[in-house]
Amino acid sequence: MFSAQAQARLEELDRRYDQILAQINDPEFCSDYQRYMQAARARNEIEEVVHTYRQYRRVLEDIPVAEEMEMTEELEALKRERDELEQRLKVLLLPKDPNDERNVIVEIRAAAGGEEAKLFAAELFRMYLRYAERRRWKTEVLDIQETGLGGVQEVVFKIEGQGAYSQLKFEGGVHRVQRVPITESSGRIQTSTVTVAVMPEAEEVDVQLNENDIKEDVFHSSSAGGQNVQKVATAIRLTHIPTGIVVTCQDERSQLQNRIKARNVLRTRLYELQRQQAAEAASGARRSQVGTGERAEKIRTYNFPDGRVTDHRVGLTIYNVPAVLDGDIQPFIDALIVQDQAQKMSASDT
């Protein structure tokens, strides 16, 4: 059963849904495009919970009928459906992260482990590209620093797709790999780490950039070997003086395009900084999602000798390293989302 507060909320959403539908079906109301779009978005936000609630009420109405007619099997099925719908509604009523529907900017950096960490950073980069491809999401590289052996020191890229942040926000942290590096002649297993940061893409209205706070440098983009690949200086480096945040973009051949991308990344990093500061103020100091990159801070371990990948936050292990690195990470994501929902439900009950 629901609390009186939850029941009142469901009834309120049910009434609100009918009001919105009436507005959308009113030709005069729809003549204002902005009002129509706002109403359509509001409808989409509550549609699932309202449809689920209406199905839940129908089941509650059917249970007494089945009891009176002594329909034992139907009654048991209705009770199971009631319990499932009730649980689903509790999840749907949980406070939503306002950033869940946003695109994301992902930063991957090699941490402990030298060249092996850089090689693994490149593999994680491909893993997320493949995951995005599976979801039919668009990807765009904003900056990449490659090494001569095919590794990546650092890569910054954007993933554009509905609900991207809701799916990828728990990927931030230290990813640990255990295997024999190709550079290791003695066959010893090495442990290396890579840090991943996942940030909701900021919009211009989220962060206003003060031009007096930004220092811009223009330089030649370089290849993995450090050689200039263009005669015209097109790469952009932005330094945000108050915070010390530095953003570099050199993937485009156009200086203007690199500048636009760099400003977008800078805006997103500043937005993430604001979010972290707000969270710290609300719940006390906490560590950032990437930590320091030390091996003991891992959130997930990719163990090649045993052929397993383990997420230490939910205790889930998958014995198929190649599949995971080919983008099959949805089981981890689903388990982390379920854990987050359970924690929120537990907090709402206290």
Protein backbone atom coordinates (compact mmCIF):
# COMPACT_ATOMS: atom_id res chain seq x y z
CA MET A 1 0.00 0.00 0.00
CA PHE A 2 1.00 3.62 -0.52
CA SER A 3 1.37 6.29 2.10
CA ALA A 4 -1.27 9.04 2.16
CA GLN A 5 1.31 11.41 0.67
CA ALA A 6 2.16 9.04 -2.20
CA GLN A 7 -1.52 8.35 -2.87
CA ALA A 8 -2.26 12.08 -3.03
CA ARG A 9 0.66 12.56 -5.41
CA LEU A 10 -0.63 9.85 -7.74
CA GLU A 11 -4.12 11.35 -7.78
CA GLU A 12 -2.67 14.77 -8.48
CA LEU A 13 -0.65 13.46 -11.43
CA ASP A 14 -3.72 11.67 -12.76
CA ARG A 15 -5.74 14.89 -12.75
CA ARG A 16 -2.84 16.88 -14.19
CA TYR A 17 -2.49 14.42 -17.06
CA ASP A 18 -6.12 14.90 -18.10
CA GLN A 19 -5.70 18.68 -17.92
CA ILE A 20 -2.64 18.56 -20.17
CA LEU A 21 -4.41 16.32 -22.71
CA ALA A 22 -7.30 18.79 -22.82
CA GLN A 23 -4.87 21.61 -23.55
CA ILE A 24 -3.08 19.64 -26.28
CA ASN A 25 -6.43 18.87 -27.95
CA ASP A 26 -7.45 22.54 -27.91
CA PRO A 27 -6.63 24.08 -31.35
CA GLU A 28 -6.40 27.58 -29.87
CA PHE A 29 -3.91 26.45 -27.24
CA CYS A 30 -1.83 24.59 -29.83
CA SER A 31 -1.58 27.68 -32.02
CA ASP A 32 1.10 28.86 -29.59
CA TYR A 33 4.02 26.56 -30.45
CA GLN A 34 6.00 27.29 -27.27
CA ARG A 35 3.01 26.52 -25.02
CA TYR A 36 2.27 23.38 -26.99
CA MET A 37 5.86 22.10 -26.66
CA GLN A 38 5.88 22.81 -22.92
CA ALA A 39 2.62 20.90 -22.50
CA ALA A 40 3.91 18.00 -24.61
CA ARG A 41 7.05 17.75 -22.49
CA ALA A 42 4.97 17.85 -19.30
CA ARG A 43 2.75 15.06 -20.65
CA ASN A 44 5.74 12.90 -21.54
CA GLU A 45 7.24 13.36 -18.06
CA ILE A 46 4.20 11.97 -16.24
CA GLU A 47 2.66 9.67 -18.87
CA GLU A 48 4.32 6.45 -17.69
CA VAL A 49 3.43 6.91 -14.03
CA VAL A 50 -0.19 7.85 -14.85
CA HIS A 51 -0.71 4.87 -17.18
CA THR A 52 0.83 2.56 -14.57
CA TYR A 53 -1.37 4.03 -11.84
CA ARG A 54 -4.51 3.58 -13.91
CA GLN A 55 -3.58 -0.03 -14.59
CA TYR A 56 -2.96 -0.47 -10.84
CA ARG A 57 -6.45 0.89 -10.02
CA ARG A 58 -8.08 -1.47 -12.52
CA VAL A 59 -6.33 -4.42 -10.87
CA LEU A 60 -7.52 -3.26 -7.43
CA GLU A 61 -11.08 -3.14 -8.79
CA ASP A 62 -10.77 -6.65 -10.28
CA ILE A 63 -9.47 -8.34 -7.10
CA PRO A 64 -12.78 -8.18 -5.11
CA VAL A 65 -14.66 -9.51 -8.16
CA ALA A 66 -12.28 -12.49 -8.42
CA GLU A 67 -12.62 -13.11 -4.67
CA GLU A 68 -16.42 -13.06 -4.83
CA MET A 69 -16.48 -15.45 -7.78
CA GLU A 70 -13.87 -17.69 -6.10
CA MET A 71 -11.57 -17.53 -9.15
CA THR A 72 -8.48 -18.81 -7.33
CA GLU A 73 -5.95 -18.76 -10.19
CA GLU A 74 -7.12 -15.40 -11.52
CA LEU A 75 -7.03 -13.96 -7.99
CA GLU A 76 -3.43 -15.04 -7.45
CA ALA A 77 -2.41 -13.60 -10.81
CA LEU A 78 -4.13 -10.29 -9.98
CA LYS A 79 -2.40 -10.08 -6.61
CA ARG A 80 0.98 -10.69 -8.22
CA GLU A 81 0.23 -7.98 -10.81
CA ARG A 82 -0.88 -5.63 -8.02
CA ASP A 83 2.37 -6.12 -6.14
CA GLU A 84 4.47 -5.64 -9.29
CA LEU A 85 2.62 -2.46 -10.26
CA GLU A 86 2.88 -1.11 -6.74
CA GLN A 87 6.64 -1.65 -6.75
CA ARG A 88 6.94 -0.05 -10.18
CA LEU A 89 4.96 3.00 -9.04
CA LYS A 90 7.21 3.43 -6.02
CA VAL A 91 10.20 3.57 -8.36
CA LEU A 92 8.45 5.97 -10.74
CA LEU A 93 7.64 8.32 -7.86
CA LEU A 94 11.28 8.59 -6.80
CA PRO A 95 12.86 12.02 -7.37
CA LYS A 96 14.40 12.14 -10.82
CA ASP A 97 17.85 13.44 -11.57
CA PRO A 98 17.20 16.59 -13.66
CA ASN A 99 20.26 15.74 -15.77
CA ASP A 100 19.19 12.21 -16.71
CA GLU A 101 18.02 13.07 -20.22
CA ARG A 102 21.12 15.07 -21.12
CA ASN A 103 23.98 14.15 -23.41
CA VAL A 104 27.27 13.37 -21.71
CA ILE A 105 30.88 14.37 -22.01
CA VAL A 106 33.24 11.57 -21.04
CA GLU A 107 36.89 11.98 -20.09
CA ILE A 108 39.18 8.94 -19.98
CA ARG A 109 42.73 9.28 -18.64
CA ALA A 110 45.53 6.76 -18.15
CA ALA A 111 46.53 6.69 -14.48
CA ALA A 112 48.84 4.16 -12.78
CA GLY A 113 50.66 1.66 -14.98
CA GLY A 114 52.60 3.53 -17.64
CA GLU A 115 52.14 2.41 -21.24
CA GLU A 116 49.85 -0.45 -20.20
CA ALA A 117 47.42 2.04 -18.65
CA LYS A 118 47.43 4.04 -21.89
CA LEU A 119 46.67 0.92 -23.92
CA PHE A 120 43.78 0.07 -21.61
CA ALA A 121 42.49 3.65 -21.80
CA ALA A 122 42.24 3.16 -25.57
CA GLU A 123 40.28 -0.07 -25.02
CA LEU A 124 37.85 1.63 -22.64
CA PHE A 125 37.40 4.41 -25.17
CA ARG A 126 36.44 1.84 -27.81
CA MET A 127 34.16 0.08 -25.27
CA TYR A 128 32.07 3.21 -24.78
CA LEU A 129 32.00 3.93 -28.51
CA ARG A 130 30.68 0.41 -29.10
CA TYR A 131 28.12 0.80 -26.31
CA ALA A 132 26.91 4.06 -27.86
CA GLU A 133 26.71 2.33 -31.24
CA ARG A 134 24.54 -0.41 -29.72
CA ARG A 135 22.19 2.29 -28.39
CA ARG A 136 22.24 4.11 -31.76
CA TRP A 137 23.71 7.18 -30.07
CA LYS A 138 26.00 9.66 -31.79
CA THR A 139 29.59 10.14 -30.64
CA GLU A 140 32.01 12.97 -31.25
CA VAL A 141 35.67 13.14 -30.26
CA LEU A 142 36.53 16.51 -28.71
CA ASP A 143 40.19 15.91 -27.91
CA ILE A 144 42.54 12.93 -27.90
CA GLN A 145 46.18 12.44 -26.97
CA GLU A 146 47.39 9.21 -28.52
CA THR A 147 50.67 7.38 -27.99
CA GLY A 148 52.93 5.77 -30.54
CA LEU A 149 51.97 2.22 -29.45
CA GLY A 150 48.25 2.71 -30.02
CA GLY A 151 47.42 3.83 -26.50
CA VAL A 152 45.65 6.94 -25.26
CA GLN A 153 46.97 9.27 -22.58
CA GLU A 154 43.69 11.17 -22.49
CA VAL A 155 40.52 11.37 -24.58
CA VAL A 156 37.50 13.62 -24.24
CA PHE A 157 34.38 12.77 -26.23
CA LYS A 158 30.68 13.48 -26.37
CA ILE A 159 27.86 10.94 -26.46
CA GLU A 160 24.58 12.29 -27.74
CA GLY A 161 21.40 10.33 -27.12
CA GLN A 162 18.18 10.35 -25.12
CA GLY A 163 18.86 9.37 -21.52
CA ALA A 164 22.61 9.09 -22.08
CA TYR A 165 23.47 10.50 -18.65
CA SER A 166 20.92 8.28 -16.89
CA GLN A 167 22.67 5.22 -18.33
CA LEU A 168 26.31 6.25 -18.07
CA LYS A 169 26.52 8.35 -14.90
CA PHE A 170 27.67 5.40 -12.79
CA GLU A 171 30.59 4.64 -15.12
CA GLY A 172 32.66 7.40 -13.51
CA GLY A 173 35.51 6.15 -11.34
CA VAL A 174 38.71 4.11 -11.45
CA HIS A 175 38.73 1.12 -13.80
CA ARG A 176 41.44 -1.45 -13.02
CA VAL A 177 42.96 -3.94 -15.43
CA GLN A 178 44.97 -7.04 -14.48
CA ARG A 179 46.85 -8.82 -17.27
CA VAL A 180 50.25 -9.53 -18.77
CA PRO A 181 51.19 -6.43 -20.79
CA ILE A 182 52.46 -6.85 -24.32
CA THR A 183 55.56 -4.97 -23.18
CA GLU A 184 56.24 -7.52 -20.39
CA SER A 185 58.72 -10.18 -21.48
CA SER A 186 58.73 -12.18 -18.21
CA GLY A 187 55.01 -12.93 -18.30
CA ARG A 188 54.20 -11.21 -15.02
CA ILE A 189 50.67 -9.92 -14.44
CA GLN A 190 50.51 -6.16 -14.05
CA THR A 191 47.79 -4.07 -12.44
CA SER A 192 47.06 -0.72 -14.10
CA THR A 193 44.32 1.86 -13.74
CA VAL A 194 42.39 4.30 -15.88
CA THR A 195 40.09 7.06 -14.62
CA VAL A 196 36.73 7.78 -16.22
CA ALA A 197 34.67 10.92 -15.60
CA VAL A 198 31.11 11.20 -16.92
CA MET A 199 29.51 14.65 -16.92
CA PRO A 200 26.10 15.86 -18.12
CA GLU A 201 26.60 18.24 -21.01
CA ALA A 202 26.00 21.81 -19.87
CA GLU A 203 23.89 24.28 -21.80
CA GLU A 204 24.59 27.98 -22.14
CA VAL A 205 21.86 28.80 -19.63
CA ASP A 206 23.55 26.56 -17.02
CA VAL A 207 26.90 28.38 -16.96
CA GLN A 208 27.62 31.91 -18.10
CA LEU A 209 31.26 32.19 -19.17
CA ASN A 210 32.98 35.44 -18.21
CA GLU A 211 35.41 36.29 -20.99
CA ASN A 212 37.70 38.04 -18.51
CA ASP A 213 38.15 34.71 -16.70
CA ILE A 214 39.31 32.81 -19.81
CA LYS A 215 42.78 32.73 -21.29
CA GLU A 216 42.97 31.36 -24.83
CA ASP A 217 46.03 29.91 -26.55
CA VAL A 218 46.17 28.86 -30.20
CA PHE A 219 48.73 26.26 -31.33
CA HIS A 220 49.46 23.57 -33.91
CA SER A 221 47.70 20.25 -33.42
CA SER A 222 50.04 17.27 -33.10
CA SER A 223 50.07 13.60 -33.95
CA ALA A 224 50.82 10.80 -31.48
CA GLY A 225 54.52 11.24 -32.14
CA GLY A 226 54.42 14.94 -31.42
CA GLN A 227 54.80 16.01 -35.06
CA ASN A 228 52.79 18.92 -36.42
CA VAL A 229 50.05 17.64 -38.69
CA GLN A 230 48.83 21.05 -39.86
CA LYS A 231 50.70 24.12 -41.06
CA VAL A 232 47.97 26.45 -39.73
CA ALA A 233 47.54 26.77 -35.97
CA THR A 234 44.01 25.51 -35.28
CA ALA A 235 44.21 23.83 -31.86
CA ILE A 236 42.69 25.72 -28.95
CA ARG A 237 43.63 25.69 -25.27
CA LEU A 238 41.34 27.45 -22.81
CA THR A 239 42.38 28.15 -19.22
CA HIS A 240 39.71 29.16 -16.74
CA ILE A 241 41.72 31.42 -14.44
CA PRO A 242 39.52 31.28 -11.28
CA THR A 243 39.43 27.46 -11.15
CA GLY A 244 42.57 26.52 -13.08
CA ILE A 245 40.57 24.23 -15.37
CA VAL A 246 42.37 23.69 -18.70
CA VAL A 247 40.58 22.47 -21.83
CA THR A 248 42.28 21.55 -25.10
CA CYS A 249 40.56 20.79 -28.40
CA GLN A 250 42.47 20.00 -31.58
CA ASP A 251 40.40 17.34 -33.33
CA GLU A 252 38.88 19.70 -35.91
CA ARG A 253 40.76 21.36 -38.77
CA SER A 254 38.90 24.59 -38.12
CA GLN A 255 40.07 26.89 -35.34
CA LEU A 256 36.47 28.08 -34.90
CA GLN A 257 35.13 24.56 -34.48
CA ASN A 258 37.84 23.72 -31.95
CA ARG A 259 37.00 26.90 -30.05
CA ILE A 260 33.30 26.03 -29.95
CA LYS A 261 34.05 22.51 -28.72
CA ALA A 262 36.54 23.75 -26.12
CA ARG A 263 34.04 26.24 -24.71
CA ASN A 264 31.41 23.50 -24.51
CA VAL A 265 33.76 21.24 -22.55
CA LEU A 266 34.79 24.12 -20.27
CA ARG A 267 31.15 24.96 -19.62
CA THR A 268 30.44 21.30 -18.81
CA ARG A 269 33.40 21.03 -16.41
CA LEU A 270 32.30 24.19 -14.61
CA TYR A 271 28.74 22.86 -14.40
CA GLU A 272 30.05 19.59 -12.95
CA LEU A 273 32.12 21.56 -10.43
CA GLN A 274 29.00 23.45 -9.36
CA ARG A 275 27.07 20.18 -9.00
CA GLN A 276 29.81 18.65 -6.85
CA GLN A 277 30.00 21.73 -4.63
CA ALA A 278 26.23 21.69 -4.20
CA ALA A 279 26.29 17.98 -3.31
CA GLU A 280 29.08 18.54 -0.78
CA ALA A 281 27.16 21.38 0.81
CA ALA A 282 24.04 19.22 1.07
CA SER A 283 25.57 15.98 2.30
CA GLY A 284 29.06 16.76 3.55
CA ALA A 285 32.41 16.41 1.82
CA ARG A 286 32.78 13.50 -0.58
CA ARG A 287 35.42 12.32 -2.98
CA SER A 288 35.07 13.08 -6.66
CA GLN A 289 34.15 10.20 -8.92
CA VAL A 290 37.67 9.70 -10.29
CA GLY A 291 39.61 9.98 -7.02
CA THR A 292 43.38 10.02 -7.44
CA GLY A 293 43.64 7.06 -9.79
CA GLU A 294 45.28 4.78 -7.21
CA ARG A 295 44.76 1.06 -7.76
CA ALA A 296 42.86 0.56 -4.49
CA GLU A 297 40.12 3.00 -5.52
CA LYS A 298 38.75 0.76 -8.26
CA ILE A 299 35.05 0.55 -9.09
CA ARG A 300 35.52 -2.20 -11.66
CA THR A 301 38.25 -4.76 -12.36
CA TYR A 302 38.96 -6.34 -15.74
CA ASN A 303 40.90 -9.52 -14.95
CA PHE A 304 42.22 -11.13 -18.13
CA PRO A 305 43.84 -14.28 -16.65
CA ASP A 306 40.51 -15.31 -15.06
CA GLY A 307 38.45 -13.95 -17.95
CA ARG A 308 36.20 -11.91 -15.65
CA VAL A 309 34.98 -8.37 -15.14
CA THR A 310 33.77 -7.45 -11.65
CA ASP A 311 31.92 -4.33 -10.58
CA HIS A 312 32.80 -3.92 -6.91
CA ARG A 313 29.88 -1.62 -6.07
CA VAL A 314 27.19 -4.22 -6.84
CA GLY A 315 29.28 -7.39 -6.62
CA LEU A 316 28.41 -8.39 -10.19
CA THR A 317 30.91 -10.51 -12.15
CA ILE A 318 30.67 -11.34 -15.85
CA TYR A 319 32.99 -14.01 -17.24
CA ASN A 320 33.40 -12.59 -20.72
CA VAL A 321 36.06 -9.88 -20.97
CA PRO A 322 35.95 -9.60 -24.80
CA ALA A 323 32.18 -9.04 -24.83
CA VAL A 324 32.38 -6.37 -22.13
CA LEU A 325 35.16 -4.52 -23.93
CA ASP A 326 33.06 -4.74 -27.09
CA GLY A 327 30.42 -2.59 -25.38
CA ASP A 328 28.27 -5.21 -23.65
CA ILE A 329 28.10 -3.27 -20.37
CA GLN A 330 24.31 -2.99 -19.98
CA PRO A 331 24.13 -5.65 -17.21
CA PHE A 332 26.46 -3.53 -15.05
CA ILE A 333 24.50 -0.37 -15.82
CA ASP A 334 21.16 -2.02 -15.02
CA ALA A 335 22.46 -3.41 -11.72
CA LEU A 336 23.81 -0.01 -10.69
CA ILE A 337 20.51 1.70 -11.55
CA VAL A 338 18.57 -0.86 -9.50
CA GLN A 339 20.92 -0.34 -6.55
CA ASP A 340 20.52 3.42 -6.79
CA GLN A 341 16.73 3.10 -6.87
CA ALA A 342 16.78 0.77 -3.86
CA GLN A 343 18.90 3.22 -1.89
CA LYS A 344 16.54 6.09 -2.76
CA MET A 345 13.52 4.02 -1.75
CA SER A 346 15.17 3.11 1.52
CA ALA A 347 15.92 6.76 2.20
CA SER A 348 12.34 7.78 1.38
CA ASP A 349 11.00 5.24 3.91
CA THR A 350 13.06 6.66 6.79
